[in-house]
Amino acid sequence: MFRSWLGLHQRKTEETIFSPLSGRVLALEDVPDPVFSRSMAGMGVAIDPEDGRVGSPVDGEVVHLFQTKHALWIRAESGLDLLIHIGVDTVYMKGEGFRDYVKTGDKVKTGQPLIDFSLDLVREKATSPVTPMFLIHSDQIERIEIELPARAEMGLTPLMKVKVKS
C-alpha cells in the first residue's frame, strides 16, 4: 500500500505539450523578433494564429499572468516551465484587446481557455500576431522532440515531447 501511494505522487518524467492556438506552425527562427528567433528566450515553436483564442498547452498551473495579458507562464505537472507570448511587441498594447480567463495560481487543463485577444487589433497595433511558446529553463530538459506540422489545432495537436530531467 505504501508503494502505490508513493507512485501516485511522483512527478511525471515526460511531458507532451500541445498547441496553445489554432493556426500555422512555425519554427522559432521564423518569429519576426531576434529574442525569439535566435532562441535566446528558450526552445520551442510559434503559431501564426487563425483566431484570438489561447488555450492551455498542458495540465498544470498558471505561475504568472502578465498585467498586460500578452503573455503567461505555466508550470506543467512535470515541473516544466513554459511561456506563451501572444504576438510580437504586444506588450505596448497595454492589455487593449485582451481578455483573461485565468489568474496566477489557477490550475489548468490542456485546451482550457486562458486568454482571448482581438486578432485584428494585434495585426493593426503590434509587429506581428505570431505567438511563440517556449520552455523557459533548458536545464529542466533531458531530451526534446519538436513537431512542426503545417497546421495545429488548439489543445489537440502535440508540438513538443519533452523528457524531463529527474
N, C-alpha and C. Protein backbone atom coordinates (compact mmCIF):
# COMPACT_ATOMS: atom_id res chain seq x y z
N MET A 1 0.81 -1.18 0.00
CA MET A 1 0.00 0.00 0.00
C MET A 1 0.86 1.26 0.00
N PHE A 2 1.94 1.24 0.76
CA PHE A 2 2.83 2.39 0.82
C PHE A 2 3.43 2.70 -0.55
N ARG A 3 3.81 1.66 -1.28
CA ARG A 3 4.40 1.83 -2.60
C ARG A 3 3.44 2.53 -3.57
N SER A 4 2.20 2.11 -3.59
CA SER A 4 1.25 2.71 -4.53
C SER A 4 0.99 4.17 -4.18
N TRP A 5 1.01 4.50 -2.90
CA TRP A 5 0.82 5.88 -2.51
C TRP A 5 1.95 6.74 -3.05
N LEU A 6 3.18 6.24 -2.96
CA LEU A 6 4.33 6.97 -3.49
C LEU A 6 4.20 7.15 -5.00
N GLY A 7 3.79 6.10 -5.67
CA GLY A 7 3.68 6.15 -7.12
C GLY A 7 2.68 7.19 -7.60
N LEU A 8 1.64 7.43 -6.84
CA LEU A 8 0.63 8.41 -7.24
C LEU A 8 1.15 9.84 -7.15
N HIS A 9 2.15 10.07 -6.33
CA HIS A 9 2.63 11.42 -6.11
C HIS A 9 3.98 11.72 -6.76
N GLN A 10 4.49 10.81 -7.55
CA GLN A 10 5.74 11.07 -8.25
C GLN A 10 5.45 11.99 -9.43
N ARG A 11 6.39 12.88 -9.70
CA ARG A 11 6.25 13.82 -10.80
C ARG A 11 6.41 13.10 -12.14
N LYS A 12 5.66 13.54 -13.13
CA LYS A 12 5.79 12.98 -14.48
C LYS A 12 7.20 13.23 -15.00
N THR A 13 7.73 12.28 -15.77
CA THR A 13 9.07 12.46 -16.32
C THR A 13 9.03 12.78 -17.81
N GLU A 14 7.86 12.65 -18.42
CA GLU A 14 7.70 13.01 -19.82
C GLU A 14 6.48 13.91 -19.94
N GLU A 15 6.59 14.88 -20.82
CA GLU A 15 5.50 15.86 -20.99
C GLU A 15 5.25 16.06 -22.48
N THR A 16 3.98 15.96 -22.87
CA THR A 16 3.58 16.32 -24.23
C THR A 16 2.96 17.71 -24.14
N ILE A 17 3.46 18.60 -24.97
CA ILE A 17 2.99 19.98 -24.97
C ILE A 17 2.19 20.20 -26.26
N PHE A 18 0.94 20.59 -26.08
CA PHE A 18 0.03 20.76 -27.21
C PHE A 18 0.00 22.23 -27.67
N SER A 19 -0.53 22.44 -28.84
CA SER A 19 -0.61 23.80 -29.38
C SER A 19 -1.55 24.67 -28.55
N PRO A 20 -1.12 25.88 -28.19
CA PRO A 20 -1.98 26.78 -27.43
C PRO A 20 -2.95 27.57 -28.32
N LEU A 21 -2.75 27.52 -29.63
CA LEU A 21 -3.62 28.24 -30.57
C LEU A 21 -3.84 27.38 -31.79
N SER A 22 -4.87 27.70 -32.56
CA SER A 22 -5.07 27.08 -33.87
C SER A 22 -4.41 27.99 -34.91
N GLY A 23 -3.68 27.36 -35.81
CA GLY A 23 -3.04 28.16 -36.85
C GLY A 23 -1.85 27.45 -37.46
N ARG A 24 -1.11 28.20 -38.26
CA ARG A 24 0.07 27.69 -38.95
C ARG A 24 1.23 27.60 -37.97
N VAL A 25 1.92 26.46 -37.98
CA VAL A 25 3.04 26.23 -37.07
C VAL A 25 4.34 26.69 -37.73
N LEU A 26 5.14 27.39 -36.94
CA LEU A 26 6.43 27.91 -37.41
C LEU A 26 7.55 27.49 -36.47
N ALA A 27 8.74 27.40 -37.01
CA ALA A 27 9.92 27.22 -36.16
C ALA A 27 10.19 28.55 -35.46
N LEU A 28 10.80 28.51 -34.29
CA LEU A 28 11.08 29.76 -33.57
C LEU A 28 11.93 30.72 -34.39
N GLU A 29 12.83 30.19 -35.22
CA GLU A 29 13.67 31.09 -36.03
C GLU A 29 12.88 31.91 -37.04
N ASP A 30 11.61 31.56 -37.26
CA ASP A 30 10.75 32.30 -38.19
C ASP A 30 9.95 33.41 -37.50
N VAL A 31 10.13 33.59 -36.20
CA VAL A 31 9.43 34.66 -35.47
C VAL A 31 10.12 35.98 -35.79
N PRO A 32 9.35 37.03 -36.15
CA PRO A 32 9.96 38.31 -36.54
C PRO A 32 10.44 39.14 -35.33
N ASP A 33 11.27 38.52 -34.49
CA ASP A 33 11.85 39.19 -33.34
C ASP A 33 13.11 38.40 -32.95
N PRO A 34 14.26 39.05 -32.88
CA PRO A 34 15.51 38.32 -32.63
C PRO A 34 15.59 37.61 -31.28
N VAL A 35 14.90 38.10 -30.28
CA VAL A 35 14.92 37.43 -28.97
C VAL A 35 14.36 36.02 -29.10
N PHE A 36 13.30 35.88 -29.88
CA PHE A 36 12.68 34.57 -30.08
C PHE A 36 13.36 33.80 -31.21
N SER A 37 13.66 34.44 -32.32
CA SER A 37 14.19 33.74 -33.49
C SER A 37 15.58 33.17 -33.26
N ARG A 38 16.33 33.74 -32.35
CA ARG A 38 17.67 33.22 -32.04
C ARG A 38 17.65 32.32 -30.81
N SER A 39 16.44 31.91 -30.39
CA SER A 39 16.23 31.02 -29.24
C SER A 39 16.89 31.55 -27.96
N MET A 40 16.99 32.87 -27.84
CA MET A 40 17.55 33.46 -26.61
C MET A 40 16.60 33.25 -25.44
N ALA A 41 15.31 33.17 -25.74
CA ALA A 41 14.31 33.01 -24.69
C ALA A 41 14.17 31.55 -24.26
N GLY A 42 14.41 30.62 -25.18
CA GLY A 42 14.28 29.20 -24.88
C GLY A 42 13.92 28.41 -26.12
N MET A 43 13.79 27.09 -25.97
CA MET A 43 13.45 26.21 -27.09
C MET A 43 11.93 26.11 -27.20
N GLY A 44 11.45 26.07 -28.44
CA GLY A 44 10.01 25.96 -28.61
C GLY A 44 9.57 26.08 -30.04
N VAL A 45 8.35 26.56 -30.22
CA VAL A 45 7.72 26.71 -31.53
C VAL A 45 6.91 28.01 -31.53
N ALA A 46 6.35 28.34 -32.67
CA ALA A 46 5.48 29.51 -32.77
C ALA A 46 4.26 29.16 -33.61
N ILE A 47 3.19 29.90 -33.39
CA ILE A 47 1.95 29.70 -34.14
C ILE A 47 1.55 31.04 -34.75
N ASP A 48 1.20 31.02 -36.03
CA ASP A 48 0.59 32.18 -36.69
C ASP A 48 -0.91 31.95 -36.54
N PRO A 49 -1.56 32.64 -35.60
CA PRO A 49 -2.93 32.29 -35.22
C PRO A 49 -3.99 32.58 -36.28
N GLU A 50 -5.01 31.70 -36.29
CA GLU A 50 -6.18 31.87 -37.15
C GLU A 50 -7.26 32.67 -36.44
N ASP A 51 -7.21 32.65 -35.12
CA ASP A 51 -8.21 33.37 -34.33
C ASP A 51 -7.56 33.86 -33.05
N GLY A 52 -8.31 34.48 -32.20
CA GLY A 52 -7.77 35.07 -30.98
C GLY A 52 -8.04 34.28 -29.72
N ARG A 53 -7.98 32.96 -29.80
CA ARG A 53 -8.21 32.12 -28.63
C ARG A 53 -6.95 31.37 -28.24
N VAL A 54 -6.57 31.49 -26.97
CA VAL A 54 -5.39 30.80 -26.44
C VAL A 54 -5.86 29.82 -25.38
N GLY A 55 -5.43 28.56 -25.53
CA GLY A 55 -5.77 27.53 -24.56
C GLY A 55 -4.51 26.96 -23.93
N SER A 56 -4.66 26.30 -22.82
CA SER A 56 -3.51 25.73 -22.13
C SER A 56 -2.90 24.58 -22.94
N PRO A 57 -1.58 24.59 -23.09
CA PRO A 57 -0.90 23.53 -23.82
C PRO A 57 -0.62 22.29 -22.98
N VAL A 58 -0.86 22.38 -21.66
CA VAL A 58 -0.56 21.29 -20.72
C VAL A 58 -1.53 21.34 -19.55
N ASP A 59 -1.55 20.27 -18.78
CA ASP A 59 -2.18 20.29 -17.46
C ASP A 59 -1.14 20.89 -16.53
N GLY A 60 -1.52 21.88 -15.75
CA GLY A 60 -0.55 22.50 -14.87
C GLY A 60 -1.12 23.64 -14.07
N GLU A 61 -0.29 24.65 -13.85
CA GLU A 61 -0.68 25.80 -13.03
C GLU A 61 -0.15 27.09 -13.65
N VAL A 62 -0.96 28.13 -13.59
CA VAL A 62 -0.53 29.45 -14.07
C VAL A 62 0.41 30.03 -13.00
N VAL A 63 1.68 30.19 -13.36
CA VAL A 63 2.67 30.74 -12.43
C VAL A 63 2.60 32.26 -12.44
N HIS A 64 2.40 32.83 -13.65
CA HIS A 64 2.32 34.29 -13.75
C HIS A 64 1.55 34.69 -15.00
N LEU A 65 0.56 35.54 -14.83
CA LEU A 65 -0.15 36.16 -15.94
C LEU A 65 0.32 37.61 -15.96
N PHE A 66 0.95 38.02 -17.04
CA PHE A 66 1.46 39.38 -17.14
C PHE A 66 0.30 40.38 -17.07
N GLN A 67 0.54 41.50 -16.44
CA GLN A 67 -0.50 42.52 -16.23
C GLN A 67 -1.12 42.96 -17.55
N THR A 68 -0.32 43.00 -18.60
CA THR A 68 -0.80 43.42 -19.92
C THR A 68 -1.50 42.28 -20.68
N LYS A 69 -1.56 41.11 -20.08
CA LYS A 69 -2.27 39.93 -20.60
C LYS A 69 -1.73 39.42 -21.93
N HIS A 70 -0.57 39.90 -22.35
CA HIS A 70 0.01 39.48 -23.62
C HIS A 70 0.84 38.21 -23.49
N ALA A 71 1.09 37.76 -22.25
CA ALA A 71 1.93 36.59 -22.03
C ALA A 71 1.57 35.93 -20.71
N LEU A 72 1.82 34.61 -20.65
CA LEU A 72 1.66 33.93 -19.37
C LEU A 72 2.63 32.77 -19.26
N TRP A 73 2.99 32.50 -18.01
CA TRP A 73 3.94 31.45 -17.66
C TRP A 73 3.13 30.34 -17.00
N ILE A 74 3.32 29.12 -17.51
CA ILE A 74 2.63 27.95 -16.98
C ILE A 74 3.67 26.91 -16.55
N ARG A 75 3.42 26.29 -15.41
CA ARG A 75 4.25 25.17 -14.96
C ARG A 75 3.44 23.90 -15.16
N ALA A 76 3.97 23.01 -16.01
CA ALA A 76 3.31 21.74 -16.28
C ALA A 76 3.42 20.83 -15.05
N GLU A 77 2.58 19.81 -15.01
CA GLU A 77 2.62 18.86 -13.90
C GLU A 77 3.98 18.21 -13.73
N SER A 78 4.74 18.12 -14.82
CA SER A 78 6.08 17.54 -14.78
C SER A 78 7.10 18.50 -14.16
N GLY A 79 6.71 19.75 -13.96
CA GLY A 79 7.62 20.76 -13.45
C GLY A 79 8.21 21.66 -14.53
N LEU A 80 7.98 21.32 -15.80
CA LEU A 80 8.48 22.15 -16.90
C LEU A 80 7.83 23.52 -16.86
N ASP A 81 8.63 24.56 -17.07
CA ASP A 81 8.12 25.92 -17.14
C ASP A 81 8.08 26.36 -18.59
N LEU A 82 6.92 26.87 -19.03
CA LEU A 82 6.83 27.37 -20.40
C LEU A 82 6.12 28.70 -20.42
N LEU A 83 6.44 29.46 -21.46
CA LEU A 83 5.86 30.78 -21.62
C LEU A 83 5.17 30.87 -22.98
N ILE A 84 3.98 31.43 -22.98
CA ILE A 84 3.26 31.74 -24.22
C ILE A 84 3.26 33.25 -24.34
N HIS A 85 3.82 33.75 -25.44
CA HIS A 85 3.93 35.20 -25.66
C HIS A 85 3.07 35.54 -26.88
N ILE A 86 1.89 36.10 -26.66
CA ILE A 86 0.95 36.37 -27.74
C ILE A 86 1.46 37.52 -28.59
N GLY A 87 1.84 37.20 -29.83
CA GLY A 87 2.31 38.21 -30.76
C GLY A 87 3.66 38.79 -30.42
N VAL A 88 4.11 39.70 -31.27
CA VAL A 88 5.39 40.39 -31.10
C VAL A 88 5.11 41.87 -30.86
N ASP A 89 5.68 42.40 -29.80
CA ASP A 89 5.51 43.80 -29.38
C ASP A 89 4.09 44.11 -28.91
N THR A 90 3.37 43.10 -28.46
CA THR A 90 2.02 43.30 -27.94
C THR A 90 2.03 43.90 -26.53
N VAL A 91 3.17 43.87 -25.86
CA VAL A 91 3.27 44.48 -24.53
C VAL A 91 2.89 45.96 -24.61
N TYR A 92 3.20 46.59 -25.75
CA TYR A 92 2.92 48.03 -25.92
C TYR A 92 1.43 48.32 -26.07
N MET A 93 0.63 47.28 -26.26
CA MET A 93 -0.83 47.47 -26.34
C MET A 93 -1.44 47.64 -24.94
N LYS A 94 -0.67 47.34 -23.91
CA LYS A 94 -1.07 47.55 -22.51
C LYS A 94 -2.40 46.88 -22.16
N GLY A 95 -2.61 45.69 -22.73
CA GLY A 95 -3.81 44.93 -22.40
C GLY A 95 -5.01 45.21 -23.29
N GLU A 96 -4.91 46.21 -24.13
CA GLU A 96 -6.03 46.55 -25.03
C GLU A 96 -6.31 45.37 -25.97
N GLY A 97 -7.55 44.94 -25.99
CA GLY A 97 -7.96 43.86 -26.88
C GLY A 97 -7.74 42.46 -26.30
N PHE A 98 -7.28 42.37 -25.06
CA PHE A 98 -7.02 41.08 -24.41
C PHE A 98 -8.03 40.85 -23.28
N ARG A 99 -8.46 39.58 -23.13
CA ARG A 99 -9.36 39.21 -22.03
C ARG A 99 -8.84 37.91 -21.42
N ASP A 100 -8.59 37.92 -20.13
CA ASP A 100 -8.08 36.72 -19.46
C ASP A 100 -9.21 35.93 -18.82
N TYR A 101 -9.01 34.61 -18.75
CA TYR A 101 -9.96 33.71 -18.10
C TYR A 101 -9.34 33.02 -16.88
N VAL A 102 -8.07 33.28 -16.66
CA VAL A 102 -7.35 32.67 -15.54
C VAL A 102 -6.56 33.74 -14.81
N LYS A 103 -6.07 33.36 -13.63
CA LYS A 103 -5.20 34.26 -12.87
C LYS A 103 -4.05 33.44 -12.31
N THR A 104 -3.04 34.11 -11.83
CA THR A 104 -1.90 33.45 -11.22
C THR A 104 -2.38 32.51 -10.12
N GLY A 105 -1.86 31.28 -10.15
CA GLY A 105 -2.22 30.28 -9.15
C GLY A 105 -3.30 29.31 -9.60
N ASP A 106 -4.01 29.62 -10.68
CA ASP A 106 -5.07 28.74 -11.16
C ASP A 106 -4.50 27.45 -11.73
N LYS A 107 -5.15 26.33 -11.43
CA LYS A 107 -4.85 25.04 -12.06
C LYS A 107 -5.55 25.03 -13.41
N VAL A 108 -4.87 24.50 -14.43
CA VAL A 108 -5.43 24.47 -15.78
C VAL A 108 -5.28 23.08 -16.39
N LYS A 109 -6.16 22.80 -17.33
CA LYS A 109 -6.14 21.54 -18.07
C LYS A 109 -5.87 21.85 -19.54
N THR A 110 -5.27 20.90 -20.23
CA THR A 110 -4.96 21.06 -21.65
C THR A 110 -6.21 21.47 -22.43
N GLY A 111 -6.08 22.53 -23.21
CA GLY A 111 -7.18 23.03 -24.04
C GLY A 111 -8.08 24.03 -23.34
N GLN A 112 -7.95 24.17 -22.02
CA GLN A 112 -8.78 25.12 -21.26
C GLN A 112 -8.50 26.54 -21.74
N PRO A 113 -9.54 27.35 -21.97
CA PRO A 113 -9.33 28.74 -22.39
C PRO A 113 -8.53 29.54 -21.35
N LEU A 114 -7.53 30.26 -21.83
CA LEU A 114 -6.69 31.10 -20.97
C LEU A 114 -6.91 32.57 -21.24
N ILE A 115 -6.83 32.93 -22.52
CA ILE A 115 -6.90 34.33 -22.93
C ILE A 115 -7.57 34.40 -24.30
N ASP A 116 -8.40 35.40 -24.50
CA ASP A 116 -8.89 35.76 -25.83
C ASP A 116 -8.27 37.11 -26.18
N PHE A 117 -8.02 37.32 -27.46
CA PHE A 117 -7.49 38.61 -27.90
C PHE A 117 -8.06 38.95 -29.27
N SER A 118 -8.08 40.23 -29.58
CA SER A 118 -8.55 40.67 -30.88
C SER A 118 -7.42 40.52 -31.89
N LEU A 119 -7.54 39.52 -32.75
CA LEU A 119 -6.51 39.28 -33.76
C LEU A 119 -6.38 40.48 -34.69
N ASP A 120 -7.49 41.11 -35.04
CA ASP A 120 -7.44 42.29 -35.91
C ASP A 120 -6.67 43.43 -35.24
N LEU A 121 -6.91 43.66 -33.96
CA LEU A 121 -6.23 44.72 -33.23
C LEU A 121 -4.73 44.43 -33.11
N VAL A 122 -4.39 43.17 -32.85
CA VAL A 122 -2.96 42.80 -32.78
C VAL A 122 -2.30 43.03 -34.13
N ARG A 123 -2.97 42.65 -35.21
CA ARG A 123 -2.40 42.88 -36.55
C ARG A 123 -2.21 44.37 -36.81
N GLU A 124 -3.13 45.18 -36.29
CA GLU A 124 -3.07 46.63 -36.50
C GLU A 124 -2.01 47.31 -35.64
N LYS A 125 -1.90 46.92 -34.37
CA LYS A 125 -1.09 47.68 -33.41
C LYS A 125 0.25 47.06 -33.04
N ALA A 126 0.43 45.77 -33.30
CA ALA A 126 1.68 45.10 -32.92
C ALA A 126 2.51 44.81 -34.17
N THR A 127 3.72 44.34 -33.95
CA THR A 127 4.59 43.98 -35.07
C THR A 127 4.08 42.76 -35.82
N SER A 128 3.57 41.78 -35.07
CA SER A 128 3.11 40.53 -35.67
C SER A 128 2.22 39.77 -34.69
N PRO A 129 1.25 39.00 -35.20
CA PRO A 129 0.45 38.16 -34.31
C PRO A 129 1.12 36.80 -34.01
N VAL A 130 2.25 36.51 -34.67
CA VAL A 130 2.93 35.24 -34.46
C VAL A 130 3.25 35.07 -32.98
N THR A 131 2.84 33.93 -32.43
CA THR A 131 2.89 33.69 -30.99
C THR A 131 3.89 32.59 -30.65
N PRO A 132 5.03 32.96 -30.06
CA PRO A 132 5.99 31.95 -29.61
C PRO A 132 5.53 31.27 -28.32
N MET A 133 5.84 29.99 -28.22
CA MET A 133 5.66 29.23 -26.99
C MET A 133 6.98 28.50 -26.77
N PHE A 134 7.58 28.71 -25.62
CA PHE A 134 8.90 28.13 -25.42
C PHE A 134 9.11 27.70 -23.97
N LEU A 135 10.05 26.77 -23.81
CA LEU A 135 10.43 26.29 -22.49
C LEU A 135 11.41 27.29 -21.90
N ILE A 136 11.15 27.72 -20.68
CA ILE A 136 11.93 28.79 -20.06
C ILE A 136 13.28 28.31 -19.56
N HIS A 137 13.31 27.14 -18.94
CA HIS A 137 14.54 26.65 -18.29
C HIS A 137 15.08 25.42 -19.02
N SER A 138 16.10 25.61 -19.84
CA SER A 138 16.66 24.50 -20.61
C SER A 138 17.31 23.45 -19.70
N ASP A 139 17.68 23.82 -18.49
CA ASP A 139 18.29 22.86 -17.58
C ASP A 139 17.28 21.82 -17.06
N GLN A 140 16.00 22.01 -17.33
CA GLN A 140 14.97 21.04 -16.94
C GLN A 140 14.84 19.92 -17.98
N ILE A 141 15.46 20.09 -19.14
CA ILE A 141 15.22 19.22 -20.29
C ILE A 141 16.34 18.21 -20.47
N GLU A 142 15.94 16.92 -20.50
CA GLU A 142 16.90 15.87 -20.84
C GLU A 142 16.90 15.66 -22.35
N ARG A 143 15.69 15.65 -22.93
CA ARG A 143 15.55 15.45 -24.38
C ARG A 143 14.28 16.16 -24.83
N ILE A 144 14.32 16.71 -26.04
CA ILE A 144 13.12 17.37 -26.58
C ILE A 144 12.95 16.97 -28.04
N GLU A 145 11.72 16.69 -28.40
CA GLU A 145 11.35 16.44 -29.79
C GLU A 145 10.34 17.51 -30.16
N ILE A 146 10.66 18.30 -31.17
CA ILE A 146 9.76 19.36 -31.62
C ILE A 146 9.10 18.95 -32.92
N GLU A 147 7.78 19.03 -32.94
CA GLU A 147 6.99 18.71 -34.14
C GLU A 147 6.61 20.02 -34.82
N LEU A 148 6.71 20.04 -36.14
CA LEU A 148 6.32 21.24 -36.90
C LEU A 148 5.33 20.85 -38.00
N PRO A 149 4.11 20.45 -37.62
CA PRO A 149 3.11 20.19 -38.66
C PRO A 149 2.75 21.50 -39.35
N ALA A 150 2.16 21.43 -40.52
CA ALA A 150 1.79 22.65 -41.23
C ALA A 150 0.79 23.49 -40.44
N ARG A 151 -0.13 22.80 -39.77
CA ARG A 151 -1.19 23.49 -39.03
C ARG A 151 -1.46 22.74 -37.73
N ALA A 152 -1.83 23.50 -36.71
CA ALA A 152 -2.15 22.92 -35.41
C ALA A 152 -3.53 23.36 -34.96
N GLU A 153 -4.13 22.51 -34.14
CA GLU A 153 -5.43 22.80 -33.54
C GLU A 153 -5.21 23.01 -32.04
N MET A 154 -5.74 24.11 -31.51
CA MET A 154 -5.57 24.44 -30.09
C MET A 154 -5.95 23.27 -29.19
N GLY A 155 -5.02 22.88 -28.31
CA GLY A 155 -5.27 21.84 -27.32
C GLY A 155 -5.30 20.43 -27.85
N LEU A 156 -5.15 20.24 -29.16
CA LEU A 156 -5.25 18.91 -29.76
C LEU A 156 -3.98 18.44 -30.46
N THR A 157 -3.22 19.36 -31.03
CA THR A 157 -2.04 18.99 -31.80
C THR A 157 -0.80 19.02 -30.93
N PRO A 158 -0.12 17.86 -30.76
CA PRO A 158 1.12 17.87 -29.98
C PRO A 158 2.23 18.56 -30.77
N LEU A 159 2.96 19.46 -30.09
CA LEU A 159 4.05 20.18 -30.75
C LEU A 159 5.42 19.86 -30.16
N MET A 160 5.46 19.48 -28.88
CA MET A 160 6.73 19.14 -28.25
C MET A 160 6.53 17.94 -27.33
N LYS A 161 7.52 17.06 -27.35
CA LYS A 161 7.58 15.95 -26.39
C LYS A 161 8.90 16.12 -25.65
N VAL A 162 8.78 16.20 -24.33
CA VAL A 162 9.96 16.51 -23.53
C VAL A 162 10.18 15.43 -22.47
N LYS A 163 11.41 14.97 -22.40
CA LYS A 163 11.84 14.10 -21.30
C LYS A 163 12.45 15.04 -20.29
N VAL A 164 11.88 15.02 -19.09
CA VAL A 164 12.28 15.95 -18.04
C VAL A 164 13.40 15.34 -17.21
N LYS A 165 14.40 16.15 -16.90
CA LYS A 165 15.48 15.68 -16.02
C LYS A 165 14.91 15.37 -14.66
N SER A 166 15.36 14.25 -14.08
CA SER A 166 14.84 13.90 -12.76
C SER A 166 15.78 14.32 -11.66
